[in-house]
Protein backbone atom coordinates (compact mmCIF):
# COMPACT_ATOMS: atom_id res chain seq x y z
CA MET A 1 92.26 112.69 66.00
CA SER A 2 96.01 111.66 66.54
CA SER A 3 97.64 111.85 70.08
CA THR A 4 99.85 114.10 68.35
CA VAL A 5 97.42 116.62 67.58
CA LYS A 6 95.55 116.19 70.59
CA ARG A 7 98.86 117.09 72.44
CA LEU A 8 98.98 119.97 70.38
CA LEU A 9 95.50 121.38 71.29
CA THR A 10 96.17 120.38 74.80
CA PHE A 11 99.44 122.66 74.72
CA ILE A 12 97.96 125.48 72.86
CA ILE A 13 94.77 125.68 75.20
CA GLY A 14 96.13 124.58 78.35
CA ILE A 15 99.33 126.47 78.57
CA PRO A 16 97.50 130.06 78.03
CA LEU A 17 95.08 129.19 80.41
CA VAL A 18 97.46 128.57 83.22
CA LEU A 19 99.27 131.42 82.75
CA THR A 20 96.19 133.33 82.86
CA LEU A 21 94.91 132.08 85.70
CA ALA A 22 98.90 132.56 87.43
CA PHE A 23 98.02 136.68 86.25
CA ILE A 24 95.36 136.93 88.40
CA PRO A 25 96.00 137.39 91.83
CA LEU A 26 92.71 137.67 93.61
CA TYR A 27 93.01 136.28 97.05
CA ASN A 28 96.46 134.62 96.51
CA HIS A 29 95.37 133.20 93.13
CA LEU A 30 92.55 131.83 94.44
CA PHE A 31 91.39 130.47 91.00
CA LEU A 32 94.79 128.84 90.17
CA ASN A 33 94.76 127.19 93.46
CA ILE A 34 91.24 125.50 93.09
CA LEU A 35 92.45 124.34 89.63
CA ILE A 36 95.46 122.99 91.94
CA LEU A 37 93.24 121.42 94.16
CA GLY A 38 91.66 119.57 91.50
CA PHE A 39 94.47 118.41 89.69
CA VAL A 40 95.56 117.30 93.68
CA ILE A 41 92.62 115.36 93.70
CA VAL A 42 92.56 113.38 90.32
CA SER A 43 96.48 112.77 90.94
CA ALA A 44 95.89 111.41 94.33
CA CYS A 45 93.55 108.92 92.69
CA GLU A 46 95.66 108.17 90.40
CA PHE A 47 98.66 107.33 92.30
CA TYR A 48 96.27 105.52 94.51
CA ASN A 49 95.60 103.15 91.92
CA ILE A 50 99.40 102.61 91.04
CA CYS A 51 100.49 101.97 94.72
CA SER A 52 97.51 99.53 94.96
CA LYS A 53 98.95 97.10 93.04
CA GLN A 54 101.62 97.04 95.02
CA ALA A 55 100.03 97.12 98.57
CA VAL A 56 97.03 97.17 100.22
CA LEU A 57 96.34 100.62 101.19
CA PRO A 58 93.74 102.79 103.52
CA PRO A 59 90.39 102.89 102.00
CA LYS A 60 90.76 105.22 98.80
CA PRO A 61 88.50 108.00 99.98
CA LEU A 62 90.14 108.54 103.15
CA LEU A 63 93.76 108.81 101.63
CA VAL A 64 92.72 111.49 98.89
CA ALA A 65 90.78 113.10 101.24
CA VAL A 66 94.15 113.15 103.67
CA SER A 67 96.15 114.10 100.48
CA LEU A 68 94.12 117.84 100.32
CA ILE A 69 95.00 118.68 103.82
CA ILE A 70 98.47 119.90 103.21
CA PRO A 71 97.76 122.03 99.95
CA ILE A 72 94.70 123.44 101.45
CA ALA A 73 96.55 124.50 104.84
CA THR A 74 99.49 125.88 102.85
CA TYR A 75 97.01 128.17 101.02
CA VAL A 76 95.18 128.97 104.05
CA PHE A 77 98.27 129.85 105.82
CA SER A 78 99.53 132.46 103.57
CA LEU A 79 95.99 133.75 103.72
CA LEU A 80 96.56 134.01 107.52
CA LYS A 81 100.17 135.06 107.46
CA ILE A 82 101.06 131.52 109.34
CA ASN A 83 104.67 130.19 109.14
CA GLN A 84 104.65 127.71 106.45
CA ASP A 85 107.16 125.31 108.20
CA LEU A 86 103.97 124.20 110.12
CA VAL A 87 102.78 122.62 106.86
CA LEU A 88 105.89 120.17 107.40
CA TRP A 89 104.40 119.04 110.79
CA ILE A 90 101.06 118.24 109.32
CA LEU A 91 102.77 115.42 106.96
CA ILE A 92 104.61 114.42 109.96
CA VAL A 93 101.39 113.94 112.07
CA GLU A 94 99.61 112.07 109.09
CA SER A 95 102.15 109.97 108.88
CA LEU A 96 102.49 108.99 112.63
CA ILE A 97 98.92 108.79 112.61
CA PHE A 98 98.83 106.05 109.90
CA MET A 99 101.69 103.96 111.15
CA GLY A 100 99.82 103.71 114.45
CA ALA A 101 96.71 103.10 113.08
CA GLU A 102 98.84 99.76 111.73
CA CYS A 103 99.66 99.21 115.02
CA PHE A 104 96.14 98.73 116.34
CA ALA A 105 94.45 97.81 113.02
CA ALA A 106 96.07 95.03 111.54
CA LYS A 107 95.83 91.61 112.56
CA THR A 108 98.64 90.25 110.61
CA PHE A 109 101.72 92.10 109.61
CA GLU A 110 103.20 90.58 106.62
CA ASN A 111 101.95 93.33 104.47
CA SER A 112 102.25 96.16 106.98
CA LEU A 113 105.76 97.36 105.89
CA LYS A 114 104.56 97.98 102.30
CA LYS A 115 100.89 99.22 103.25
CA ILE A 116 102.80 102.44 105.78
CA GLY A 117 105.46 102.34 103.04
CA PHE A 118 102.82 103.13 100.17
CA THR A 119 100.86 105.30 102.25
CA VAL A 120 103.51 107.73 103.54
CA LEU A 121 104.83 107.75 100.07
CA HIS A 122 101.73 108.76 98.92
CA LEU A 123 101.35 111.46 101.25
CA PHE A 124 104.79 113.10 100.92
CA TYR A 125 104.53 112.72 96.67
CA VAL A 126 101.24 113.89 95.71
CA SER A 127 100.30 116.19 98.96
CA TYR A 128 103.60 117.73 99.99
CA LEU A 129 105.39 118.26 97.08
CA PHE A 130 102.33 119.45 95.47
CA SER A 131 101.96 122.10 97.98
CA PHE A 132 104.93 123.53 96.80
CA LEU A 133 103.18 124.78 93.68
CA ILE A 134 100.79 126.95 95.97
CA ARG A 135 103.54 128.09 97.70
CA ILE A 136 104.88 129.70 94.65
CA SER A 137 101.30 131.30 94.17
CA THR A 138 101.69 132.98 97.67
CA LEU A 139 105.22 134.74 97.51
CA PRO A 140 105.00 137.47 99.35
CA GLU A 141 105.89 140.03 96.14
CA ASN A 142 105.56 139.63 92.42
CA SER A 143 103.94 135.82 92.75
CA ASN A 144 102.18 136.32 89.61
CA TYR A 145 105.66 137.04 87.43
CA TYR A 146 107.33 133.86 89.57
CA LEU A 147 104.40 131.64 88.65
CA GLY A 148 104.97 132.86 85.19
CA LEU A 149 108.68 132.32 85.07
CA PHE A 150 108.05 128.62 86.46
CA PHE A 151 105.23 127.50 84.54
CA ILE A 152 107.30 128.53 81.35
CA GLN A 153 110.18 126.77 82.81
CA VAL A 154 108.22 123.33 82.97
CA PHE A 155 106.24 123.64 80.41
CA LEU A 156 108.42 124.91 77.91
CA CYS A 157 111.09 122.19 78.76
CA ASP A 158 108.26 119.45 78.54
CA SER A 159 107.13 120.80 75.25
CA CYS A 160 110.69 121.33 73.80
CA ALA A 161 112.07 117.81 74.71
CA TRP A 162 108.93 116.65 73.25
CA PHE A 163 109.14 118.37 69.82
CA PHE A 164 113.23 117.87 69.40
CA GLY A 165 112.70 114.21 70.59
CA ILE A 166 110.18 113.67 67.84
CA LEU A 167 112.62 115.83 65.19
CA PHE A 168 116.01 114.66 66.13
CA GLY A 169 115.84 111.80 68.75
CA LYS A 170 115.21 108.66 66.96
CA ASN A 171 118.73 107.17 66.79
CA ASN A 172 119.44 108.09 70.91
CA ARG A 173 116.64 106.81 72.74
CA GLY A 174 116.40 103.73 74.88
CA ILE A 175 119.15 105.03 76.93
CA ILE A 176 117.34 105.51 79.66
CA ALA A 177 115.14 102.56 81.07
CA ALA A 178 112.71 104.21 83.11
CA SER A 179 111.57 105.77 79.73
CA PRO A 180 112.64 104.34 76.55
CA ASN A 181 110.94 106.61 74.26
CA LYS A 182 112.86 109.58 75.52
CA SER A 183 115.83 111.03 73.90
CA ILE A 184 118.89 112.38 74.80
CA VAL A 185 118.60 114.82 72.46
CA GLY A 186 114.73 115.42 73.44
CA PHE A 187 116.23 116.03 77.23
CA ILE A 188 118.93 118.66 75.90
CA GLY A 189 116.26 120.41 73.42
CA GLY A 190 113.92 120.72 76.75
CA ILE A 191 116.67 121.89 78.90
CA PHE A 192 117.39 124.65 76.11
CA GLY A 193 114.12 125.42 75.45
CA SER A 194 113.36 126.36 79.29
CA VAL A 195 116.69 128.58 79.40
CA LEU A 196 115.87 130.29 76.12
CA PHE A 197 112.00 130.95 76.67
CA SER A 198 112.85 132.21 80.23
CA VAL A 199 115.51 134.80 79.17
CA ILE A 200 112.93 136.17 77.13
CA PHE A 201 110.46 136.32 79.78
CA LYS A 202 112.85 138.08 82.11
CA ILE A 203 113.86 140.82 79.05
CA ILE A 204 110.03 141.26 78.58
CA CYS A 205 109.48 141.46 82.43
CA SER A 206 112.99 143.19 83.39
CA ASP A 207 111.23 145.67 85.35
CA VAL A 208 109.83 143.33 87.77
CA LEU A 209 111.96 140.48 87.59
CA ASP A 210 115.26 142.86 88.20
CA PHE A 211 118.01 140.20 89.56
CA PRO A 212 121.42 139.03 87.22
CA MET A 213 120.77 137.26 84.16
CA TRP A 214 123.45 134.51 85.28
CA LYS A 215 120.89 133.72 88.19
CA LEU A 216 117.97 133.54 85.61
CA ILE A 217 120.03 130.98 83.42
CA VAL A 218 121.20 128.49 86.57
CA LEU A 219 117.76 128.77 87.86
CA ALA A 220 116.54 127.44 84.13
CA LEU A 221 119.18 124.99 84.23
CA ILE A 222 118.26 123.74 87.53
CA THR A 223 114.22 123.84 87.21
CA SER A 224 114.40 122.10 83.87
CA THR A 225 116.67 119.36 84.80
CA SER A 226 114.10 118.71 87.82
CA THR A 227 111.50 118.60 85.53
CA ILE A 228 112.97 115.50 83.13
CA VAL A 229 113.74 113.90 86.49
CA GLY A 230 110.19 114.45 87.64
CA ASP A 231 108.85 113.02 84.34
CA LEU A 232 111.19 109.96 84.70
CA ILE A 233 110.21 109.52 88.54
CA GLU A 234 106.63 109.04 87.41
CA SER A 235 107.63 106.32 84.81
CA VAL A 236 109.36 104.58 87.45
CA PHE A 237 106.28 104.28 89.39
CA LYS A 238 104.20 103.22 86.39
CA ARG A 239 106.46 100.72 85.17
CA SER A 240 106.56 99.04 88.40
CA SER A 241 102.97 98.52 88.83
CA ASP A 242 102.68 98.03 85.01
CA PHE A 243 101.23 101.27 84.08
CA LYS A 244 101.25 102.75 80.59
CA ASP A 245 99.24 105.87 81.78
CA SER A 246 98.22 107.02 85.09
CA GLY A 247 94.72 107.33 83.60
CA ASN A 248 93.29 109.51 80.74
CA PHE A 249 92.03 112.62 82.05
CA ILE A 250 93.81 114.72 79.70
CA PRO A 251 93.74 114.18 76.03
CA GLY A 252 97.07 113.41 74.54
CA ARG A 253 98.78 113.87 77.96
CA GLY A 254 96.82 110.64 79.55
CA GLY A 255 96.11 111.10 83.15
CA ALA A 256 96.19 114.24 85.27
CA LEU A 257 99.42 112.67 86.99
CA ASP A 258 100.80 112.42 83.75
CA SER A 259 100.82 116.08 82.96
CA VAL A 260 102.03 117.25 86.56
CA ASP A 261 104.60 114.43 87.30
CA SER A 262 107.07 117.25 86.26
CA VAL A 263 105.60 120.15 88.43
CA ILE A 264 105.31 117.85 91.44
CA ILE A 265 109.08 117.46 91.75
CA SER A 266 110.22 120.85 89.96
CA ALA A 267 107.76 123.35 92.27
CA PRO A 268 110.03 122.26 95.63
CA VAL A 269 113.55 122.09 93.29
CA PHE A 270 112.30 126.20 92.25
CA ILE A 271 111.40 127.28 95.66
CA ILE A 272 114.80 126.08 96.95
CA ALA A 273 116.99 127.68 94.06
CA ILE A 274 115.13 130.92 94.40
CA THR A 275 116.03 130.91 98.03
CA LEU A 276 119.52 129.67 97.62
CA LEU A 277 120.34 132.29 94.57
CA GLN A 278 118.74 135.18 96.79
CA ILE A 279 116.40 136.47 94.07
CA ILE A 280 113.59 136.45 96.50
């Protein structure tokens, strides 16, 4: 089976599954958040493999386990109505602990800067930024619709970018060194698809998503742009460590991190955007 067919099957099966889970609000989307935690675990393992090519890190089981603390805390805090700002405090405490541990555990220090830097990056990228997806699922009102809107903006941007790139992007690739197979037409098509399907979703759900259309378009533009940037950021990480894919977890997509790289960056951007636009 070709990679194109595998990717299409993943799209046909994966997106409806995620959207279905998004509209099951039981216990602040418990089932969706279990799936998210599963992706955190696998993504943390894959990112550890990427980072470990550049530096000696703390033991893999330890760093992966610590990466789960912030996402779990984010979900538990939402159930208990605890201020989510405390999640940032957890990140700071985790980072300080690993920094302090290096002071006492290391015998030589020629690799300490890389070790600390990659460890903190691991906690920030896979754990803290990923937790914003859980924050979307725990919004106080209509979280299922905002989850649906977010997934449409991200997944349709990614899929339309791939589709337009395959059809029309042969002559405008190689412009961005981080991902030379990506095309400018693909980027434009991804943003267009994200905006278009967001508008359709808002029209269908106009009774709930009752904010002005211009805010929806701005939100889609911001989220889809961050989606593209998120994909490029992971490409930079992989290229710096000579990885083609982060793994082989998902058919046609590569690793788990290859499938959620856009989500990791766009989830916090989405939260910031809906806050600044006063959509929530």
